[in-house]
Amino acid sequence: MSEGSFQKEILIAPSLLAGDFSRLGEEVTRISSSGADLIHLDVMDGDFVPNLTFGPGVIESIRPFSSIPLEAHLMVWHPDTYLDELKEAGVDRVIVHQESDVHLNRLLRRIRQMGFSAGVALNPSTPAFLLEDVLDLVDLVLVMTVNPGFGGQSYLGEMREKISRVKQMRETRPNLSFRIEVDGGISPVTASEVVLAGADVLVAGTAVFRNPPYEEAIARLRLAAGVGMSS
């Protein structure tokens, strides 16, 4: 997956969680031709978070409908058990939660060895400093700006400080170049705030899929992100 320059480019990652599950292939095709940079796929097990979504089999079925990168956000216990199937499904990036595996260093190394782009996510209650010893193993840090499990939640404004903290952690070590992604309540209203704090990948579900046409919804997010970059 091409990461581009996080200093200059904001990526938009629509979350398929907010799409129409009765026609996922069509949704993927439409969103891919509407200016999205990648597609965010929320894999939930009903235990780590209180919801069930889709797994590797569904992801494999939608892969032919798009050529843009797919990132799987694993909100599951035992994420290592999903990796082989996700590889077969054609996933480009795997994001695991810091809270989901006590051997996070080993897990991230395996993800990278399998050829994935590696990401690590933090729940709202998880402090950023817990990632200090694995930042050299990740291409992306995902700061959850809602408690994971359901779409359509309101953005938690107090997470802005955590986004800024993760950015500071990146800047204090010159060998680090990971992106900072945010997920939860991202809209044209909140996009400029999180970009100003340091985010450079915006996950948006409701703001895109529930506000068609998709091209205009994504354009509104880019415009708001540009305001944050110029502030």
C-alpha atoms as a PDB file:
ATOM      1  CA  MET A   1       0.000   0.000   0.000  1.00  0.00           C
ATOM      2  CA  SER A   2       1.404   3.370  -0.991  1.00  0.00           C
ATOM      3  CA  GLU A   3       1.414   5.640   2.052  1.00  0.00           C
ATOM      4  CA  GLY A   4       2.246   8.884   0.284  1.00  0.00           C
ATOM      5  CA  SER A   5       3.466  11.847   2.326  1.00  0.00           C
ATOM      6  CA  PHE A   6       1.641  12.287   5.599  1.00  0.00           C
ATOM      7  CA  GLN A   7       2.880  15.859   5.806  1.00  0.00           C
ATOM      8  CA  LYS A   8       1.010  16.900   2.647  1.00  0.00           C
ATOM      9  CA  GLU A   9      -1.783  14.460   1.884  1.00  0.00           C
ATOM     10  CA  ILE A  10      -4.998  13.641   3.728  1.00  0.00           C
ATOM     11  CA  LEU A  11      -6.534  10.277   2.870  1.00  0.00           C
ATOM     12  CA  ILE A  12     -10.269   9.576   3.023  1.00  0.00           C
ATOM     13  CA  ALA A  13     -11.299   6.046   4.048  1.00  0.00           C
ATOM     14  CA  PRO A  14     -15.060   5.454   3.876  1.00  0.00           C
ATOM     15  CA  SER A  15     -16.211   2.829   6.362  1.00  0.00           C
ATOM     16  CA  LEU A  16     -18.330   0.134   4.742  1.00  0.00           C
ATOM     17  CA  LEU A  17     -20.044  -0.395   8.108  1.00  0.00           C
ATOM     18  CA  ALA A  18     -22.417   2.419   7.113  1.00  0.00           C
ATOM     19  CA  GLY A  19     -23.087   1.013   3.661  1.00  0.00           C
ATOM     20  CA  ASP A  20     -26.019  -1.029   2.432  1.00  0.00           C
ATOM     21  CA  PHE A  21     -25.224  -4.631   3.418  1.00  0.00           C
ATOM     22  CA  SER A  22     -27.733  -5.968   0.887  1.00  0.00           C
ATOM     23  CA  ARG A  23     -25.538  -4.734  -1.987  1.00  0.00           C
ATOM     24  CA  LEU A  24     -21.994  -4.484  -0.698  1.00  0.00           C
ATOM     25  CA  GLY A  25     -20.352  -5.115  -4.059  1.00  0.00           C
ATOM     26  CA  GLU A  26     -22.224  -2.213  -5.617  1.00  0.00           C
ATOM     27  CA  GLU A  27     -21.382   0.015  -2.653  1.00  0.00           C
ATOM     28  CA  VAL A  28     -17.681  -0.806  -2.996  1.00  0.00           C
ATOM     29  CA  THR A  29     -17.754  -0.033  -6.706  1.00  0.00           C
ATOM     30  CA  ARG A  30     -19.516   3.285  -6.192  1.00  0.00           C
ATOM     31  CA  ILE A  31     -17.303   4.449  -3.345  1.00  0.00           C
ATOM     32  CA  SER A  32     -14.152   3.455  -5.226  1.00  0.00           C
ATOM     33  CA  SER A  33     -15.119   5.674  -8.159  1.00  0.00           C
ATOM     34  CA  SER A  34     -16.133   8.586  -5.934  1.00  0.00           C
ATOM     35  CA  GLY A  35     -12.702   9.752  -4.833  1.00  0.00           C
ATOM     36  CA  ALA A  36     -12.024   7.469  -1.840  1.00  0.00           C
ATOM     37  CA  ASP A  37      -8.374   6.619  -1.198  1.00  0.00           C
ATOM     38  CA  LEU A  38      -9.048   3.320   0.551  1.00  0.00           C
ATOM     39  CA  ILE A  39     -11.936   1.386   2.088  1.00  0.00           C
ATOM     40  CA  HIS A  40     -12.178   0.743   5.824  1.00  0.00           C
ATOM     41  CA  LEU A  41     -13.636  -2.629   6.810  1.00  0.00           C
ATOM     42  CA  ASP A  42     -14.789  -3.125  10.409  1.00  0.00           C
ATOM     43  CA  VAL A  43     -14.454  -6.773  11.446  1.00  0.00           C
ATOM     44  CA  MET A  44     -16.270  -7.319  14.775  1.00  0.00           C
ATOM     45  CA  ASP A  45     -16.681 -10.529  16.768  1.00  0.00           C
ATOM     46  CA  GLY A  46     -19.520  -9.608  19.125  1.00  0.00           C
ATOM     47  CA  ASP A  47     -17.205 -10.076  22.118  1.00  0.00           C
ATOM     48  CA  PHE A  48     -14.352  -7.563  21.915  1.00  0.00           C
ATOM     49  CA  VAL A  49     -17.065  -5.105  20.867  1.00  0.00           C
ATOM     50  CA  PRO A  50     -20.839  -5.541  21.255  1.00  0.00           C
ATOM     51  CA  ASN A  51     -21.602  -6.041  17.582  1.00  0.00           C
ATOM     52  CA  LEU A  52     -21.131  -8.529  14.741  1.00  0.00           C
ATOM     53  CA  THR A  53     -20.299  -7.493  11.196  1.00  0.00           C
ATOM     54  CA  PHE A  54     -18.499  -9.436   8.469  1.00  0.00           C
ATOM     55  CA  GLY A  55     -15.395 -11.569   8.212  1.00  0.00           C
ATOM     56  CA  PRO A  56     -12.765 -12.602   5.666  1.00  0.00           C
ATOM     57  CA  GLY A  57     -15.259 -14.464   3.478  1.00  0.00           C
ATOM     58  CA  VAL A  58     -17.329 -11.354   2.828  1.00  0.00           C
ATOM     59  CA  ILE A  59     -14.189  -9.292   2.271  1.00  0.00           C
ATOM     60  CA  GLU A  60     -12.987 -11.805  -0.307  1.00  0.00           C
ATOM     61  CA  SER A  61     -16.334 -11.538  -2.102  1.00  0.00           C
ATOM     62  CA  ILE A  62     -16.096  -7.743  -2.436  1.00  0.00           C
ATOM     63  CA  ARG A  63     -12.399  -7.558  -3.354  1.00  0.00           C
ATOM     64  CA  PRO A  64     -13.091  -7.924  -7.112  1.00  0.00           C
ATOM     65  CA  PHE A  65     -15.310  -4.831  -7.044  1.00  0.00           C
ATOM     66  CA  SER A  66     -12.442  -2.419  -6.324  1.00  0.00           C
ATOM     67  CA  SER A  67      -8.751  -1.919  -7.011  1.00  0.00           C
ATOM     68  CA  ILE A  68      -8.156   0.607  -4.221  1.00  0.00           C
ATOM     69  CA  PRO A  69      -6.590  -0.590  -0.945  1.00  0.00           C
ATOM     70  CA  LEU A  70      -8.689  -2.375   1.655  1.00  0.00           C
ATOM     71  CA  GLU A  71      -7.878  -2.051   5.347  1.00  0.00           C
ATOM     72  CA  ALA A  72      -9.367  -4.491   7.854  1.00  0.00           C
ATOM     73  CA  HIS A  73      -9.908  -3.024  11.323  1.00  0.00           C
ATOM     74  CA  LEU A  74     -10.016  -6.059  13.623  1.00  0.00           C
ATOM     75  CA  MET A  75     -12.188  -5.372  16.656  1.00  0.00           C
ATOM     76  CA  VAL A  76     -11.766  -8.941  17.834  1.00  0.00           C
ATOM     77  CA  TRP A  77     -10.018 -11.099  20.389  1.00  0.00           C
ATOM     78  CA  HIS A  78      -7.242 -13.342  19.012  1.00  0.00           C
ATOM     79  CA  PRO A  79      -6.675 -11.297  15.850  1.00  0.00           C
ATOM     80  CA  ASP A  80      -3.824 -13.601  14.813  1.00  0.00           C
ATOM     81  CA  THR A  81      -6.372 -16.296  13.903  1.00  0.00           C
ATOM     82  CA  TYR A  82      -7.773 -14.079  11.123  1.00  0.00           C
ATOM     83  CA  LEU A  83      -4.544 -13.273   9.314  1.00  0.00           C
ATOM     84  CA  ASP A  84      -4.258 -16.184   6.884  1.00  0.00           C
ATOM     85  CA  GLU A  85      -7.841 -15.750   5.677  1.00  0.00           C
ATOM     86  CA  LEU A  86      -7.440 -11.989   5.358  1.00  0.00           C
ATOM     87  CA  LYS A  87      -4.386 -12.560   3.192  1.00  0.00           C
ATOM     88  CA  GLU A  88      -6.387 -14.842   0.918  1.00  0.00           C
ATOM     89  CA  ALA A  89      -9.186 -12.261   0.859  1.00  0.00           C
ATOM     90  CA  GLY A  90      -6.887  -9.611  -0.619  1.00  0.00           C
ATOM     91  CA  VAL A  91      -6.639  -7.224   2.327  1.00  0.00           C
ATOM     92  CA  ASP A  92      -3.840  -4.656   2.087  1.00  0.00           C
ATOM     93  CA  ARG A  93      -3.658  -3.374   5.681  1.00  0.00           C
ATOM     94  CA  VAL A  94      -4.517  -5.067   8.956  1.00  0.00           C
ATOM     95  CA  ILE A  95      -5.248  -2.910  12.005  1.00  0.00           C
ATOM     96  CA  VAL A  96      -5.278  -4.626  15.393  1.00  0.00           C
ATOM     97  CA  HIS A  97      -6.197  -3.187  18.767  1.00  0.00           C
ATOM     98  CA  GLN A  98      -3.553  -2.651  21.405  1.00  0.00           C
ATOM     99  CA  GLU A  99      -6.027  -4.051  23.911  1.00  0.00           C
ATOM    100  CA  SER A 100      -6.671  -7.288  22.003  1.00  0.00           C
ATOM    101  CA  ASP A 101      -3.326  -9.106  22.320  1.00  0.00           C
ATOM    102  CA  VAL A 102      -0.803  -9.234  25.153  1.00  0.00           C
ATOM    103  CA  HIS A 103       1.966 -10.081  22.664  1.00  0.00           C
ATOM    104  CA  LEU A 104       1.459  -7.023  20.472  1.00  0.00           C
ATOM    105  CA  ASN A 105       5.079  -6.828  19.342  1.00  0.00           C
ATOM    106  CA  ARG A 106       5.010 -10.412  18.046  1.00  0.00           C
ATOM    107  CA  LEU A 107       1.624  -9.898  16.380  1.00  0.00           C
ATOM    108  CA  LEU A 108       2.710  -6.769  14.522  1.00  0.00           C
ATOM    109  CA  ARG A 109       5.882  -8.480  13.331  1.00  0.00           C
ATOM    110  CA  ARG A 110       3.840 -11.353  11.938  1.00  0.00           C
ATOM    111  CA  ILE A 111       1.475  -8.951  10.174  1.00  0.00           C
ATOM    112  CA  ARG A 112       4.408  -7.244   8.474  1.00  0.00           C
ATOM    113  CA  GLN A 113       6.101 -10.543   7.609  1.00  0.00           C
ATOM    114  CA  MET A 114       2.917 -11.636   5.845  1.00  0.00           C
ATOM    115  CA  GLY A 115       3.143  -8.595   3.583  1.00  0.00           C
ATOM    116  CA  PHE A 116       0.403  -6.493   5.114  1.00  0.00           C
ATOM    117  CA  SER A 117       0.679  -2.849   5.998  1.00  0.00           C
ATOM    118  CA  ALA A 118       0.420  -2.908   9.812  1.00  0.00           C
ATOM    119  CA  GLY A 119      -1.755  -0.681  11.955  1.00  0.00           C
ATOM    120  CA  VAL A 120      -2.542  -0.513  15.650  1.00  0.00           C
ATOM    121  CA  ALA A 121      -5.665   1.026  17.197  1.00  0.00           C
ATOM    122  CA  LEU A 122      -6.382   2.604  20.578  1.00  0.00           C
ATOM    123  CA  ASN A 123      -9.741   2.671  22.330  1.00  0.00           C
ATOM    124  CA  PRO A 124     -10.711   6.040  23.836  1.00  0.00           C
ATOM    125  CA  SER A 125      -9.709   4.909  27.344  1.00  0.00           C
ATOM    126  CA  THR A 126      -6.288   3.590  26.270  1.00  0.00           C
ATOM    127  CA  PRO A 127      -3.379   6.024  26.710  1.00  0.00           C
ATOM    128  CA  ALA A 128      -1.072   6.698  23.789  1.00  0.00           C
ATOM    129  CA  PHE A 129       2.126   5.935  25.703  1.00  0.00           C
ATOM    130  CA  LEU A 130       1.325   2.207  25.624  1.00  0.00           C
ATOM    131  CA  LEU A 131       2.411   2.215  21.968  1.00  0.00           C
ATOM    132  CA  GLU A 132       5.877   3.657  22.524  1.00  0.00           C
ATOM    133  CA  ASP A 133       7.681   0.324  22.171  1.00  0.00           C
ATOM    134  CA  VAL A 134       5.927  -0.810  18.979  1.00  0.00           C
ATOM    135  CA  LEU A 135       5.823   2.363  16.902  1.00  0.00           C
ATOM    136  CA  ASP A 136       8.721   1.180  14.778  1.00  0.00           C
ATOM    137  CA  LEU A 137       6.574  -1.784  13.686  1.00  0.00           C
ATOM    138  CA  VAL A 138       3.544   0.122  12.408  1.00  0.00           C
ATOM    139  CA  ASP A 139       2.586   2.027   9.287  1.00  0.00           C
ATOM    140  CA  LEU A 140      -0.470   3.545  10.946  1.00  0.00           C
ATOM    141  CA  VAL A 141      -1.850   4.403  14.386  1.00  0.00           C
ATOM    142  CA  LEU A 142      -5.640   4.561  14.626  1.00  0.00           C
ATOM    143  CA  VAL A 143      -7.064   6.774  17.364  1.00  0.00           C
ATOM    144  CA  MET A 144     -10.670   5.818  18.040  1.00  0.00           C
ATOM    145  CA  THR A 145     -12.745   8.945  18.516  1.00  0.00           C
ATOM    146  CA  VAL A 146     -15.764   6.915  19.665  1.00  0.00           C
ATOM    147  CA  ASN A 147     -16.022   3.688  21.616  1.00  0.00           C
ATOM    148  CA  PRO A 148     -15.865   0.999  18.922  1.00  0.00           C
ATOM    149  CA  GLY A 149     -18.758  -1.257  18.030  1.00  0.00           C
ATOM    150  CA  PHE A 150     -21.424   0.814  16.323  1.00  0.00           C
ATOM    151  CA  GLY A 151     -21.547   3.449  13.612  1.00  0.00           C
ATOM    152  CA  GLY A 152     -23.260   6.802  13.899  1.00  0.00           C
ATOM    153  CA  GLN A 153     -21.835   7.741  17.298  1.00  0.00           C
ATOM    154  CA  SER A 154     -20.893  11.279  18.284  1.00  0.00           C
ATOM    155  CA  TYR A 155     -17.263  12.372  18.101  1.00  0.00           C
ATOM    156  CA  LEU A 156     -15.464  12.493  21.457  1.00  0.00           C
ATOM    157  CA  GLY A 157     -13.762  15.886  21.477  1.00  0.00           C
ATOM    158  CA  GLU A 158     -11.401  14.937  24.290  1.00  0.00           C
ATOM    159  CA  MET A 159      -9.614  12.596  21.873  1.00  0.00           C
ATOM    160  CA  ARG A 160      -8.028  15.600  20.171  1.00  0.00           C
ATOM    161  CA  GLU A 161      -5.328  15.615  22.859  1.00  0.00           C
ATOM    162  CA  LYS A 162      -4.533  11.959  22.182  1.00  0.00           C
ATOM    163  CA  ILE A 163      -4.208  12.626  18.447  1.00  0.00           C
ATOM    164  CA  SER A 164      -1.772  15.429  19.235  1.00  0.00           C
ATOM    165  CA  ARG A 165       0.147  13.160  21.600  1.00  0.00           C
ATOM    166  CA  VAL A 166       0.542  10.485  18.925  1.00  0.00           C
ATOM    167  CA  LYS A 167       1.771  13.128  16.492  1.00  0.00           C
ATOM    168  CA  GLN A 168       4.331  14.295  19.063  1.00  0.00           C
ATOM    169  CA  MET A 169       5.518  10.718  19.513  1.00  0.00           C
ATOM    170  CA  ARG A 170       6.066  10.501  15.752  1.00  0.00           C
ATOM    171  CA  GLU A 171       7.918  13.786  15.578  1.00  0.00           C
ATOM    172  CA  THR A 172      10.314  13.048  18.443  1.00  0.00           C
ATOM    173  CA  ARG A 173      11.749   9.988  16.667  1.00  0.00           C
ATOM    174  CA  PRO A 174      13.054  10.822  13.189  1.00  0.00           C
ATOM    175  CA  ASN A 175      12.925   7.200  12.024  1.00  0.00           C
ATOM    176  CA  LEU A 176       9.127   7.061  12.351  1.00  0.00           C
ATOM    177  CA  SER A 177       6.771   7.870   9.466  1.00  0.00           C
ATOM    178  CA  PHE A 178       3.481   6.187  10.350  1.00  0.00           C
ATOM    179  CA  ARG A 179       0.182   7.771   9.466  1.00  0.00           C
ATOM    180  CA  ILE A 180      -2.379   8.838  12.063  1.00  0.00           C
ATOM    181  CA  GLU A 181      -5.916   7.692  11.392  1.00  0.00           C
ATOM    182  CA  VAL A 182      -9.079   8.692  13.244  1.00  0.00           C
ATOM    183  CA  ASP A 183     -12.355   6.804  13.319  1.00  0.00           C
ATOM    184  CA  GLY A 184     -15.636   7.840  14.915  1.00  0.00           C
ATOM    185  CA  GLY A 185     -17.962  10.763  14.349  1.00  0.00           C
ATOM    186  CA  ILE A 186     -15.822  12.172  11.531  1.00  0.00           C
ATOM    187  CA  SER A 187     -17.749  14.637   9.379  1.00  0.00           C
ATOM    188  CA  PRO A 188     -17.143  17.996   7.670  1.00  0.00           C
ATOM    189  CA  VAL A 189     -17.751  19.533  11.104  1.00  0.00           C
ATOM    190  CA  THR A 190     -15.064  17.525  12.936  1.00  0.00           C
ATOM    191  CA  ALA A 191     -12.579  16.829  10.124  1.00  0.00           C
ATOM    192  CA  SER A 192     -10.740  20.128  10.383  1.00  0.00           C
ATOM    193  CA  GLU A 193     -10.295  19.681  14.154  1.00  0.00           C
ATOM    194  CA  VAL A 194      -8.724  16.223  13.931  1.00  0.00           C
ATOM    195  CA  VAL A 195      -6.484  17.226  11.013  1.00  0.00           C
ATOM    196  CA  LEU A 196      -5.298  20.261  12.964  1.00  0.00           C
ATOM    197  CA  ALA A 197      -4.460  17.907  15.843  1.00  0.00           C
ATOM    198  CA  GLY A 198      -2.381  15.687  13.549  1.00  0.00           C
ATOM    199  CA  ALA A 199      -4.633  13.186  11.765  1.00  0.00           C
ATOM    200  CA  ASP A 200      -3.887  12.396   8.129  1.00  0.00           C
ATOM    201  CA  VAL A 201      -6.330   9.538   7.439  1.00  0.00           C
ATOM    202  CA  LEU A 202     -10.046  10.117   8.039  1.00  0.00           C
ATOM    203  CA  VAL A 203     -12.422   7.194   8.425  1.00  0.00           C
ATOM    204  CA  ALA A 204     -15.987   8.270   7.729  1.00  0.00           C
ATOM    205  CA  GLY A 205     -19.040   6.075   7.553  1.00  0.00           C
ATOM    206  CA  THR A 206     -22.283   7.956   8.126  1.00  0.00           C
ATOM    207  CA  ALA A 207     -20.836  11.199   6.702  1.00  0.00           C
ATOM    208  CA  VAL A 208     -20.313   9.457   3.344  1.00  0.00           C
ATOM    209  CA  PHE A 209     -22.788   6.603   2.930  1.00  0.00           C
ATOM    210  CA  ARG A 210     -25.745   8.404   4.480  1.00  0.00           C
ATOM    211  CA  ASN A 211     -25.125  11.642   2.571  1.00  0.00           C
ATOM    212  CA  PRO A 212     -25.082  10.793  -1.124  1.00  0.00           C
ATOM    213  CA  PRO A 213     -23.956  11.450  -3.719  1.00  0.00           C
ATOM    214  CA  TYR A 214     -20.716   9.943  -2.465  1.00  0.00           C
ATOM    215  CA  GLU A 215     -18.518  12.169  -4.632  1.00  0.00           C
ATOM    216  CA  GLU A 216     -19.884  15.275  -2.944  1.00  0.00           C
ATOM    217  CA  ALA A 217     -19.683  13.776   0.542  1.00  0.00           C
ATOM    218  CA  ILE A 218     -16.002  12.920   0.067  1.00  0.00           C
ATOM    219  CA  ALA A 219     -15.310  16.339  -1.458  1.00  0.00           C
ATOM    220  CA  ARG A 220     -16.835  18.011   1.615  1.00  0.00           C
ATOM    221  CA  LEU A 221     -14.523  16.002   3.874  1.00  0.00           C
ATOM    222  CA  ARG A 222     -11.491  16.982   1.786  1.00  0.00           C
ATOM    223  CA  LEU A 223     -12.476  20.623   1.917  1.00  0.00           C
ATOM    224  CA  ALA A 224     -12.829  20.505   5.707  1.00  0.00           C
ATOM    225  CA  ALA A 225      -9.524  18.654   6.026  1.00  0.00           C
ATOM    226  CA  GLY A 226      -7.856  21.363   3.957  1.00  0.00           C
ATOM    227  CA  VAL A 227      -9.104  23.965   6.439  1.00  0.00           C
ATOM    228  CA  GLY A 228      -7.447  21.991   9.224  1.00  0.00           C
ATOM    229  CA  MET A 229      -4.154  21.757   7.334  1.00  0.00           C
ATOM    230  CA  SER A 230      -4.077  25.500   6.689  1.00  0.00           C
ATOM    231  CA  SER A 231      -4.920  26.511  10.258  1.00  0.00           C
END
